[in-house]
Amino acid sequence: MTFHFDYFPYIAIIGDIVGSRRLKDRQAVQARFEKVLDAVSSNYETDLASKFMITLGDEFQGLLKAGSQTMSIIDRIEREMHPVKVRFGIGVGKITTAIHFEMPLGADGPAYYNARAMINEIKASESRKMAPRTNVQISIQDHPEHSEVLNTIFSLLTVIKERWTPRQLEIINAYLQSGTQEKAAEKLNVRQENVQKSLSAANFYTYWQTLEFISKVLSELGGDADV
């Protein structure tokens, strides 16, 4: 995919917790949510235009100036919040107001409009039986055809993720945190062969390779590319 902009495109992410009002310990979940977002803002600071922050009880937003880490950020938030489910709307486009790193509230423009539209689209699709299942959608200003392709891929990734068992997710997390199957096996006190079989059964390698492909595509946006 090739992108062309005659302006600097930002990547806005708006997310919210699915069914937050039905959570048994909403206060504890919100505290964990805030901790996860603070860690993301710290670890990905060089990629951010505005840090990630909870804007409502169950909603957050952040603004990226470079696109290559977009999927890493979303994947990290999603896995660290599990089993709580999170929706993500990604909007790419202009920001027409001043931007402040410490306070994402107040910034405005098509990037945020697009992200908001994607969150609303995900919510609407959840009530339509014939709609594709997804918890991530993207809208790229001036490039609707690329948005459509990426959203189809996001739907397929959602199908893979929803089939993961709690044990498979535990092994996936251990593998990503440790970096090798051997270290993941040692951490979980199981055989390396068990880690390999679980990752394969979960279609993890297909999932992760696809995630890396999307990251490569999004690396053409913002500060990662010559705009």
Protein backbone atom coordinates (compact mmCIF):
# COMPACT_ATOMS: atom_id res chain seq x y z
CA MET A 1 0.00 0.00 0.00
CA THR A 2 1.14 3.53 -0.77
CA PHE A 3 -0.13 6.66 0.94
CA HIS A 4 0.09 10.23 -0.23
CA PHE A 5 -0.84 13.24 1.87
CA ASP A 6 -0.36 16.96 1.28
CA TYR A 7 -0.43 17.46 5.05
CA PHE A 8 1.07 15.75 8.10
CA PRO A 9 -1.22 12.86 9.12
CA TYR A 10 -1.67 11.97 12.78
CA ILE A 11 -2.96 8.65 14.08
CA ALA A 12 -5.70 9.03 16.69
CA ILE A 13 -6.79 6.05 18.78
CA ILE A 14 -10.05 6.09 20.71
CA GLY A 15 -10.97 3.02 22.71
CA ASP A 16 -13.52 1.89 25.22
CA ILE A 17 -14.23 -1.05 27.49
CA VAL A 18 -16.99 -3.33 26.27
CA GLY A 19 -19.85 -3.69 28.74
CA SER A 20 -18.14 -1.63 31.43
CA ARG A 21 -21.35 -1.06 33.36
CA ARG A 22 -21.79 -4.81 33.78
CA LEU A 23 -18.33 -5.37 35.30
CA LYS A 24 -18.42 -6.75 38.83
CA ASP A 25 -15.49 -4.65 40.08
CA ARG A 26 -15.57 -1.63 37.81
CA GLN A 27 -13.37 0.49 40.07
CA ALA A 28 -10.56 -2.09 40.08
CA VAL A 29 -10.79 -2.47 36.29
CA GLN A 30 -10.54 1.29 35.80
CA ALA A 31 -7.49 1.43 38.08
CA ARG A 32 -5.82 -1.33 36.05
CA PHE A 33 -6.85 0.42 32.85
CA GLU A 34 -5.17 3.64 33.97
CA LYS A 35 -2.00 1.76 34.92
CA VAL A 36 -1.82 0.06 31.51
CA LEU A 37 -2.29 3.36 29.66
CA ASP A 38 0.38 5.08 31.77
CA ALA A 39 2.82 2.29 30.90
CA VAL A 40 1.99 2.60 27.19
CA SER A 41 2.52 6.37 27.28
CA SER A 42 5.89 5.88 28.96
CA ASN A 43 7.15 3.02 26.78
CA TYR A 44 6.05 4.55 23.45
CA GLU A 45 6.68 8.20 24.30
CA THR A 46 8.80 8.93 21.21
CA ASP A 47 5.92 7.86 18.94
CA LEU A 48 3.25 9.92 20.68
CA ALA A 49 1.97 13.41 20.02
CA SER A 50 -0.34 13.17 23.05
CA LYS A 51 -0.19 10.59 25.81
CA PHE A 52 -2.93 8.01 26.37
CA MET A 53 -5.47 9.03 28.97
CA ILE A 54 -8.87 7.95 30.23
CA THR A 55 -11.35 10.57 29.05
CA LEU A 56 -14.53 9.03 30.47
CA GLY A 57 -15.11 6.19 32.89
CA ASP A 58 -14.72 3.51 30.22
CA GLU A 59 -13.13 5.40 27.33
CA PHE A 60 -9.61 6.57 26.48
CA GLN A 61 -7.75 8.30 23.68
CA GLY A 62 -4.24 9.04 22.52
CA LEU A 63 -2.54 10.60 19.51
CA LEU A 64 0.43 9.21 17.60
CA LYS A 65 2.77 11.16 15.32
CA ALA A 66 4.25 7.96 13.86
CA GLY A 67 2.35 4.87 12.79
CA SER A 68 4.76 1.95 13.12
CA GLN A 69 3.88 1.15 16.76
CA THR A 70 0.12 1.50 16.41
CA MET A 71 -0.57 -2.23 16.41
CA SER A 72 1.97 -2.95 19.15
CA ILE A 73 0.16 -0.46 21.36
CA ILE A 74 -3.28 -1.90 20.60
CA ASP A 75 -2.07 -5.49 21.06
CA ARG A 76 -0.46 -4.63 24.40
CA ILE A 77 -3.54 -2.87 25.77
CA GLU A 78 -5.78 -5.69 24.61
CA ARG A 79 -3.71 -8.49 26.13
CA GLU A 80 -2.97 -6.70 29.42
CA MET A 81 -6.66 -5.88 29.93
CA HIS A 82 -7.81 -9.45 29.24
CA PRO A 83 -10.38 -10.83 30.03
CA VAL A 84 -11.90 -7.35 29.85
CA LYS A 85 -12.66 -6.63 26.19
CA VAL A 86 -11.69 -3.35 24.54
CA ARG A 87 -12.79 -1.74 21.27
CA PHE A 88 -10.36 0.39 19.25
CA GLY A 89 -11.16 3.05 16.67
CA ILE A 90 -8.16 4.28 14.65
CA GLY A 91 -8.41 7.54 12.73
CA VAL A 92 -5.74 8.90 10.42
CA GLY A 93 -5.86 12.51 9.25
CA LYS A 94 -5.30 16.13 10.11
CA ILE A 95 -5.29 17.70 13.56
CA THR A 96 -6.58 21.26 13.26
CA THR A 97 -5.94 22.50 16.81
CA ALA A 98 -2.98 22.84 19.13
CA ILE A 99 -1.56 19.56 20.47
CA HIS A 100 -0.40 19.10 24.06
CA PHE A 101 1.47 15.95 25.04
CA GLU A 102 0.25 15.78 28.63
CA MET A 103 -3.39 16.49 27.82
CA PRO A 104 -5.00 14.83 24.79
CA LEU A 105 -8.34 16.48 25.53
CA GLY A 106 -8.95 19.59 23.47
CA ALA A 107 -7.18 18.45 20.30
CA ASP A 108 -9.52 18.14 17.35
CA GLY A 109 -9.62 17.41 13.65
CA PRO A 110 -10.39 14.66 11.10
CA ALA A 111 -8.04 12.18 12.79
CA TYR A 112 -10.25 12.18 15.88
CA TYR A 113 -13.48 12.37 13.85
CA ASN A 114 -12.42 9.25 11.96
CA ALA A 115 -11.47 7.39 15.14
CA ARG A 116 -14.81 8.26 16.74
CA ALA A 117 -16.67 7.12 13.63
CA MET A 118 -14.89 3.76 13.80
CA ILE A 119 -15.81 3.21 17.45
CA ASN A 120 -19.43 3.97 16.59
CA GLU A 121 -19.27 1.61 13.62
CA ILE A 122 -17.95 -1.23 15.77
CA LYS A 123 -20.75 -0.70 18.31
CA ALA A 124 -23.35 -0.65 15.56
CA SER A 125 -21.97 -3.81 13.96
CA GLU A 126 -22.24 -5.70 17.27
CA SER A 127 -26.03 -5.57 16.97
CA ARG A 128 -26.11 -6.64 13.31
CA LYS A 129 -26.13 -10.41 12.81
CA MET A 130 -24.70 -10.27 9.29
CA ALA A 131 -21.92 -7.79 10.06
CA PRO A 132 -18.26 -8.91 10.31
CA ARG A 133 -16.99 -9.40 13.86
CA THR A 134 -14.22 -7.01 14.85
CA ASN A 135 -12.96 -4.96 17.78
CA VAL A 136 -10.60 -2.77 15.70
CA GLN A 137 -11.44 -0.51 12.78
CA ILE A 138 -9.49 2.17 10.94
CA SER A 139 -10.45 5.14 8.79
CA ILE A 140 -7.66 6.82 6.82
CA GLN A 141 -8.48 10.28 5.50
CA ASP A 142 -8.29 10.41 1.66
CA HIS A 143 -7.63 6.63 1.46
CA PRO A 144 -10.95 4.77 1.90
CA GLU A 145 -9.78 1.86 -0.26
CA HIS A 146 -6.83 1.17 2.06
CA SER A 147 -9.12 1.47 5.07
CA GLU A 148 -11.43 -1.17 3.63
CA VAL A 149 -8.59 -3.63 3.08
CA LEU A 150 -7.20 -3.16 6.60
CA ASN A 151 -10.64 -3.47 8.19
CA THR A 152 -11.18 -6.78 6.42
CA ILE A 153 -7.89 -8.00 7.89
CA PHE A 154 -8.88 -6.75 11.36
CA SER A 155 -12.09 -8.81 11.14
CA LEU A 156 -10.11 -11.95 10.31
CA LEU A 157 -7.73 -11.32 13.20
CA THR A 158 -10.69 -10.96 15.55
CA VAL A 159 -11.93 -14.39 14.50
CA ILE A 160 -8.52 -15.86 15.40
CA LYS A 161 -8.33 -14.07 18.77
CA GLU A 162 -11.83 -15.08 19.82
CA ARG A 163 -10.89 -18.75 19.46
CA TRP A 164 -7.99 -18.52 21.93
CA THR A 165 -8.52 -20.45 25.14
CA PRO A 166 -7.37 -18.92 28.46
CA ARG A 167 -4.45 -21.36 28.49
CA GLN A 168 -3.43 -20.48 24.94
CA LEU A 169 -3.51 -16.79 25.82
CA GLU A 170 -1.38 -17.45 28.89
CA ILE A 171 1.22 -19.20 26.72
CA ILE A 172 1.08 -16.45 24.07
CA ASN A 173 1.70 -13.80 26.73
CA ALA A 174 4.58 -15.79 28.22
CA TYR A 175 6.11 -16.24 24.78
CA LEU A 176 5.85 -12.54 23.87
CA GLN A 177 7.21 -11.46 27.24
CA SER A 178 10.15 -13.88 27.25
CA GLY A 179 10.99 -13.85 23.55
CA THR A 180 11.59 -17.58 23.01
CA GLN A 181 9.66 -20.80 23.35
CA GLU A 182 12.29 -22.19 25.70
CA LYS A 183 12.06 -19.26 28.10
CA ALA A 184 8.26 -19.31 27.95
CA ALA A 185 8.28 -23.01 28.80
CA GLU A 186 10.62 -22.39 31.73
CA LYS A 187 8.42 -19.57 32.99
CA LEU A 188 5.30 -21.75 32.83
CA ASN A 189 7.09 -24.90 34.03
CA VAL A 190 6.10 -26.90 30.96
CA ARG A 191 7.98 -28.54 28.10
CA GLN A 192 9.03 -26.46 25.09
CA GLU A 193 7.07 -28.83 22.85
CA ASN A 194 3.89 -27.92 24.73
CA VAL A 195 4.49 -24.22 24.05
CA GLN A 196 5.06 -24.92 20.36
CA LYS A 197 1.91 -27.02 20.04
CA SER A 198 -0.22 -24.43 21.84
CA LEU A 199 1.06 -21.55 19.70
CA SER A 200 0.43 -23.56 16.56
CA ALA A 201 -3.07 -24.62 17.63
CA ALA A 202 -3.91 -20.98 18.37
CA ASN A 203 -2.78 -19.92 14.87
CA PHE A 204 -0.51 -17.50 16.69
CA TYR A 205 2.12 -17.29 13.97
CA THR A 206 -0.48 -16.39 11.35
CA TYR A 207 -1.89 -13.77 13.72
CA TRP A 208 1.49 -12.28 14.56
CA GLN A 209 2.78 -12.20 10.97
CA THR A 210 -0.41 -10.40 9.92
CA LEU A 211 -0.01 -7.93 12.77
CA GLU A 212 3.55 -7.22 11.62
CA PHE A 213 2.29 -6.67 8.06
CA ILE A 214 -0.23 -4.09 9.29
CA SER A 215 2.51 -2.41 11.34
CA LYS A 216 4.66 -2.19 8.20
CA VAL A 217 1.78 -0.58 6.30
CA LEU A 218 1.09 1.92 9.07
CA SER A 219 4.79 2.78 9.32
CA GLU A 220 4.26 4.82 6.15
CA LEU A 221 2.11 7.23 8.16
CA GLY A 222 3.20 10.27 10.11
CA GLY A 223 6.75 10.65 11.36
CA ASP A 224 7.72 7.24 9.98
CA ALA A 225 7.48 8.48 6.42
CA ASP A 226 8.26 11.45 4.22
CA VAL A 227 4.97 13.30 3.92
